């Protein structure tokens, strides 16, 4: 099934050559989780996504967002953070 994406992100993913981190609420009724999962599969260099249980569209708590984004940025900068191997960043 083709993801619903008014910004046609799924068509742009082939042009994204950097590491891609996707965070998505599992209960999002605006952009379904399947769209996030589809983008994850299309990414050339995906890292482990953060599927945030029980949250929807734009309601993930700020501390959760900052934790995951901070860990991703720390790993990109070569810090002591988690690995950027697929499956090695973090899981929810």
N, C-alpha and C. Protein backbone atom coordinates (compact mmCIF):
# COMPACT_ATOMS: atom_id res chain seq x y z
N UNK A 1 0.83 -1.17 0.00
CA UNK A 1 0.00 0.00 0.00
C UNK A 1 0.89 1.25 0.00
N UNK A 2 0.58 2.20 -0.82
CA UNK A 2 1.33 3.44 -0.91
C UNK A 2 0.97 4.34 0.28
N UNK A 3 2.02 4.91 0.94
CA UNK A 3 1.73 5.78 2.08
C UNK A 3 1.00 7.05 1.66
N UNK A 4 0.15 7.57 2.55
CA UNK A 4 -0.52 8.85 2.32
C UNK A 4 0.47 9.92 2.74
N UNK A 5 0.87 10.77 1.79
CA UNK A 5 1.90 11.75 2.09
C UNK A 5 1.71 12.96 1.20
N UNK A 6 1.10 14.02 1.72
CA UNK A 6 0.86 15.19 0.89
C UNK A 6 2.15 15.90 0.51
N UNK A 7 3.23 15.61 1.23
CA UNK A 7 4.52 16.21 0.92
C UNK A 7 5.37 15.28 0.06
N UNK A 8 4.83 14.18 -0.37
CA UNK A 8 5.47 13.13 -1.18
C UNK A 8 6.89 12.79 -0.69
N UNK A 9 7.04 12.69 0.63
CA UNK A 9 8.34 12.33 1.20
C UNK A 9 8.83 10.98 0.69
N UNK A 10 7.92 10.06 0.47
CA UNK A 10 8.32 8.74 -0.01
C UNK A 10 9.01 8.83 -1.37
N UNK A 11 8.67 9.82 -2.18
CA UNK A 11 9.32 10.00 -3.48
C UNK A 11 10.68 10.66 -3.35
N UNK A 12 10.91 11.38 -2.28
CA UNK A 12 12.16 12.11 -2.07
C UNK A 12 13.22 11.27 -1.37
N UNK A 13 12.84 10.19 -0.73
CA UNK A 13 13.78 9.42 0.08
C UNK A 13 14.96 8.89 -0.72
N UNK A 14 14.78 8.61 -1.99
CA UNK A 14 15.90 8.10 -2.80
C UNK A 14 17.02 9.13 -2.94
N UNK A 15 16.71 10.39 -2.72
CA UNK A 15 17.71 11.46 -2.83
C UNK A 15 18.41 11.76 -1.51
N UNK A 16 17.95 11.16 -0.44
CA UNK A 16 18.52 11.42 0.88
C UNK A 16 19.68 10.45 1.12
N UNK A 17 20.89 11.00 1.14
CA UNK A 17 22.08 10.15 1.25
C UNK A 17 22.65 10.11 2.67
N UNK A 18 22.11 10.87 3.59
CA UNK A 18 22.61 10.89 4.96
C UNK A 18 21.85 9.88 5.82
N UNK A 19 22.32 9.73 7.05
CA UNK A 19 21.61 8.87 8.00
C UNK A 19 20.25 9.48 8.29
N UNK A 20 19.26 8.62 8.43
CA UNK A 20 17.88 9.06 8.66
C UNK A 20 17.37 8.45 9.95
N UNK A 21 16.87 9.33 10.82
CA UNK A 21 16.24 8.90 12.07
C UNK A 21 14.78 9.31 12.02
N UNK A 22 13.90 8.36 12.23
CA UNK A 22 12.47 8.64 12.22
C UNK A 22 11.90 8.38 13.61
N UNK A 23 11.14 9.36 14.11
CA UNK A 23 10.42 9.24 15.36
C UNK A 23 8.94 9.43 15.04
N UNK A 24 8.10 8.55 15.56
CA UNK A 24 6.69 8.60 15.19
C UNK A 24 5.85 8.03 16.31
N UNK A 25 4.77 8.69 16.64
CA UNK A 25 3.83 8.17 17.62
C UNK A 25 3.06 7.00 17.04
N UNK A 26 2.89 5.97 17.83
CA UNK A 26 2.20 4.76 17.34
C UNK A 26 0.70 4.97 17.18
N UNK A 27 0.15 5.99 17.84
CA UNK A 27 -1.29 6.24 17.77
C UNK A 27 -1.64 7.47 16.93
N UNK A 28 -0.76 7.83 16.01
CA UNK A 28 -0.98 9.01 15.16
C UNK A 28 -2.14 8.74 14.21
N UNK A 29 -3.20 9.55 14.30
CA UNK A 29 -4.34 9.38 13.40
C UNK A 29 -4.35 10.44 12.29
N UNK A 30 -3.30 11.28 12.23
CA UNK A 30 -3.15 12.26 11.15
C UNK A 30 -2.25 11.67 10.06
N UNK A 31 -1.07 11.22 10.47
CA UNK A 31 -0.13 10.53 9.57
C UNK A 31 0.05 9.14 10.18
N UNK A 32 -0.55 8.13 9.59
CA UNK A 32 -0.51 6.80 10.17
C UNK A 32 0.93 6.26 10.35
N UNK A 33 1.11 5.45 11.36
CA UNK A 33 2.40 4.85 11.64
C UNK A 33 2.96 4.12 10.42
N UNK A 34 2.10 3.55 9.62
CA UNK A 34 2.58 2.83 8.42
C UNK A 34 3.35 3.76 7.49
N UNK A 35 3.05 5.04 7.51
CA UNK A 35 3.80 6.00 6.68
C UNK A 35 5.22 6.16 7.20
N UNK A 36 5.36 6.26 8.52
CA UNK A 36 6.69 6.33 9.11
C UNK A 36 7.49 5.06 8.84
N UNK A 37 6.82 3.93 8.96
CA UNK A 37 7.50 2.65 8.69
C UNK A 37 7.92 2.55 7.22
N UNK A 38 7.08 3.05 6.32
CA UNK A 38 7.42 3.03 4.89
C UNK A 38 8.64 3.91 4.62
N UNK A 39 8.69 5.10 5.22
CA UNK A 39 9.85 5.97 5.04
C UNK A 39 11.11 5.31 5.58
N UNK A 40 10.99 4.65 6.72
CA UNK A 40 12.12 3.94 7.31
C UNK A 40 12.68 2.90 6.33
N UNK A 41 11.79 2.17 5.68
CA UNK A 41 12.22 1.14 4.73
C UNK A 41 12.85 1.74 3.48
N UNK A 42 12.43 2.93 3.09
CA UNK A 42 12.95 3.58 1.89
C UNK A 42 14.28 4.29 2.11
N UNK A 43 14.63 4.57 3.36
CA UNK A 43 15.86 5.31 3.66
C UNK A 43 17.08 4.50 3.26
N UNK A 44 18.04 5.17 2.63
CA UNK A 44 19.28 4.51 2.23
C UNK A 44 20.15 4.15 3.43
N UNK A 45 20.16 5.03 4.43
CA UNK A 45 21.00 4.85 5.62
C UNK A 45 20.17 5.07 6.88
N UNK A 46 19.20 4.18 7.12
CA UNK A 46 18.36 4.37 8.31
C UNK A 46 19.10 3.95 9.57
N UNK A 47 18.74 4.59 10.65
CA UNK A 47 19.15 4.12 11.96
C UNK A 47 17.88 3.66 12.66
N UNK A 48 18.05 2.99 13.76
CA UNK A 48 16.90 2.43 14.47
C UNK A 48 15.90 3.54 14.76
N UNK A 49 14.65 3.38 14.35
CA UNK A 49 13.64 4.41 14.59
C UNK A 49 13.16 4.42 16.03
N UNK A 50 12.45 5.46 16.39
CA UNK A 50 11.81 5.54 17.70
C UNK A 50 10.31 5.58 17.47
N UNK A 51 9.66 4.44 17.65
CA UNK A 51 8.21 4.38 17.59
C UNK A 51 7.75 4.63 19.02
N UNK A 52 7.05 5.73 19.24
CA UNK A 52 6.71 6.14 20.60
C UNK A 52 5.29 5.66 20.92
N UNK A 53 5.17 4.64 21.77
CA UNK A 53 3.87 4.04 22.08
C UNK A 53 2.91 5.02 22.76
N UNK A 54 1.66 4.99 22.31
CA UNK A 54 0.60 5.73 22.95
C UNK A 54 0.49 7.20 22.57
N UNK A 55 1.33 7.66 21.66
CA UNK A 55 1.26 9.07 21.28
C UNK A 55 0.84 9.21 19.83
N UNK A 56 0.26 10.36 19.54
CA UNK A 56 -0.28 10.61 18.21
C UNK A 56 0.55 11.63 17.45
N UNK A 57 -0.13 12.58 16.85
CA UNK A 57 0.50 13.57 15.98
C UNK A 57 0.82 14.83 16.78
N UNK A 58 2.10 15.12 16.92
CA UNK A 58 2.58 16.32 17.62
C UNK A 58 2.23 16.36 19.10
N UNK A 59 2.14 15.21 19.75
CA UNK A 59 1.88 15.22 21.19
C UNK A 59 2.89 14.41 21.99
N UNK A 60 4.01 14.06 21.38
CA UNK A 60 5.06 13.34 22.10
C UNK A 60 5.67 14.33 23.10
N UNK A 61 5.82 13.94 24.36
CA UNK A 61 6.38 14.85 25.36
C UNK A 61 7.76 15.39 24.95
N UNK A 62 7.98 16.66 25.23
CA UNK A 62 9.24 17.29 24.84
C UNK A 62 10.46 16.56 25.38
N UNK A 63 10.41 16.09 26.61
CA UNK A 63 11.57 15.41 27.15
C UNK A 63 11.89 14.13 26.38
N UNK A 64 10.86 13.45 25.89
CA UNK A 64 11.08 12.25 25.08
C UNK A 64 11.70 12.62 23.73
N UNK A 65 11.16 13.66 23.10
CA UNK A 65 11.70 14.12 21.82
C UNK A 65 13.15 14.54 21.99
N UNK A 66 13.44 15.37 23.02
CA UNK A 66 14.80 15.85 23.22
C UNK A 66 15.77 14.72 23.52
N UNK A 67 15.30 13.72 24.26
CA UNK A 67 16.16 12.57 24.55
C UNK A 67 16.57 11.85 23.26
N UNK A 68 15.59 11.52 22.44
CA UNK A 68 15.88 10.76 21.22
C UNK A 68 16.68 11.59 20.20
N UNK A 69 16.29 12.82 19.99
CA UNK A 69 17.02 13.66 19.04
C UNK A 69 18.43 13.94 19.56
N UNK A 70 18.57 14.19 20.86
CA UNK A 70 19.89 14.42 21.44
C UNK A 70 20.80 13.23 21.29
N UNK A 71 20.27 12.03 21.52
CA UNK A 71 21.08 10.82 21.36
C UNK A 71 21.51 10.64 19.91
N UNK A 72 20.60 10.92 18.98
CA UNK A 72 20.94 10.81 17.56
C UNK A 72 22.03 11.82 17.19
N UNK A 73 21.88 13.07 17.60
CA UNK A 73 22.87 14.10 17.28
C UNK A 73 24.21 13.81 17.94
N UNK A 74 24.18 13.31 19.17
CA UNK A 74 25.41 12.95 19.85
C UNK A 74 26.14 11.85 19.10
N UNK A 75 25.39 10.86 18.64
CA UNK A 75 26.00 9.76 17.89
C UNK A 75 26.56 10.26 16.55
N UNK A 76 25.87 11.18 15.90
CA UNK A 76 26.38 11.75 14.65
C UNK A 76 27.68 12.50 14.87
N UNK A 77 27.77 13.16 16.02
CA UNK A 77 28.97 13.96 16.33
C UNK A 77 30.12 13.10 16.84
N UNK A 78 29.88 11.80 16.95
CA UNK A 78 30.94 10.91 17.40
C UNK A 78 31.08 10.87 18.90
N UNK A 79 30.06 11.30 19.61
CA UNK A 79 30.10 11.30 21.07
C UNK A 79 29.99 9.90 21.63
N UNK A 80 29.87 9.84 22.91
CA UNK A 80 29.79 8.56 23.60
C UNK A 80 28.40 7.97 23.54
N UNK A 81 27.55 8.55 22.73
CA UNK A 81 26.18 8.10 22.62
C UNK A 81 26.07 6.75 21.94
N UNK A 82 24.87 6.32 21.66
CA UNK A 82 24.62 5.00 21.07
C UNK A 82 25.15 4.89 19.66
N UNK A 83 25.32 3.68 19.23
CA UNK A 83 25.82 3.39 17.89
C UNK A 83 24.84 3.85 16.82
N UNK A 84 25.37 4.18 15.64
CA UNK A 84 24.51 4.53 14.51
C UNK A 84 24.29 3.34 13.58
N UNK A 85 24.73 2.17 14.00
CA UNK A 85 24.43 0.98 13.19
C UNK A 85 22.93 0.80 13.12
N UNK A 86 22.41 0.36 11.96
CA UNK A 86 20.98 0.08 11.93
C UNK A 86 20.63 -0.86 13.07
N UNK A 87 19.64 -0.51 13.82
CA UNK A 87 19.23 -1.32 14.96
C UNK A 87 20.00 -1.00 16.22
N UNK A 88 20.98 -0.11 16.13
CA UNK A 88 21.83 0.15 17.29
C UNK A 88 21.61 1.47 17.98
N UNK A 89 20.71 2.30 17.48
CA UNK A 89 20.55 3.61 18.09
C UNK A 89 19.70 3.51 19.34
N UNK A 90 18.45 3.22 19.20
CA UNK A 90 17.57 3.01 20.34
C UNK A 90 16.26 2.46 19.84
N UNK A 91 15.54 1.88 20.74
CA UNK A 91 14.24 1.30 20.40
C UNK A 91 13.23 1.76 21.43
N UNK A 92 12.02 1.77 21.00
CA UNK A 92 10.93 2.05 21.95
C UNK A 92 9.96 0.91 21.92
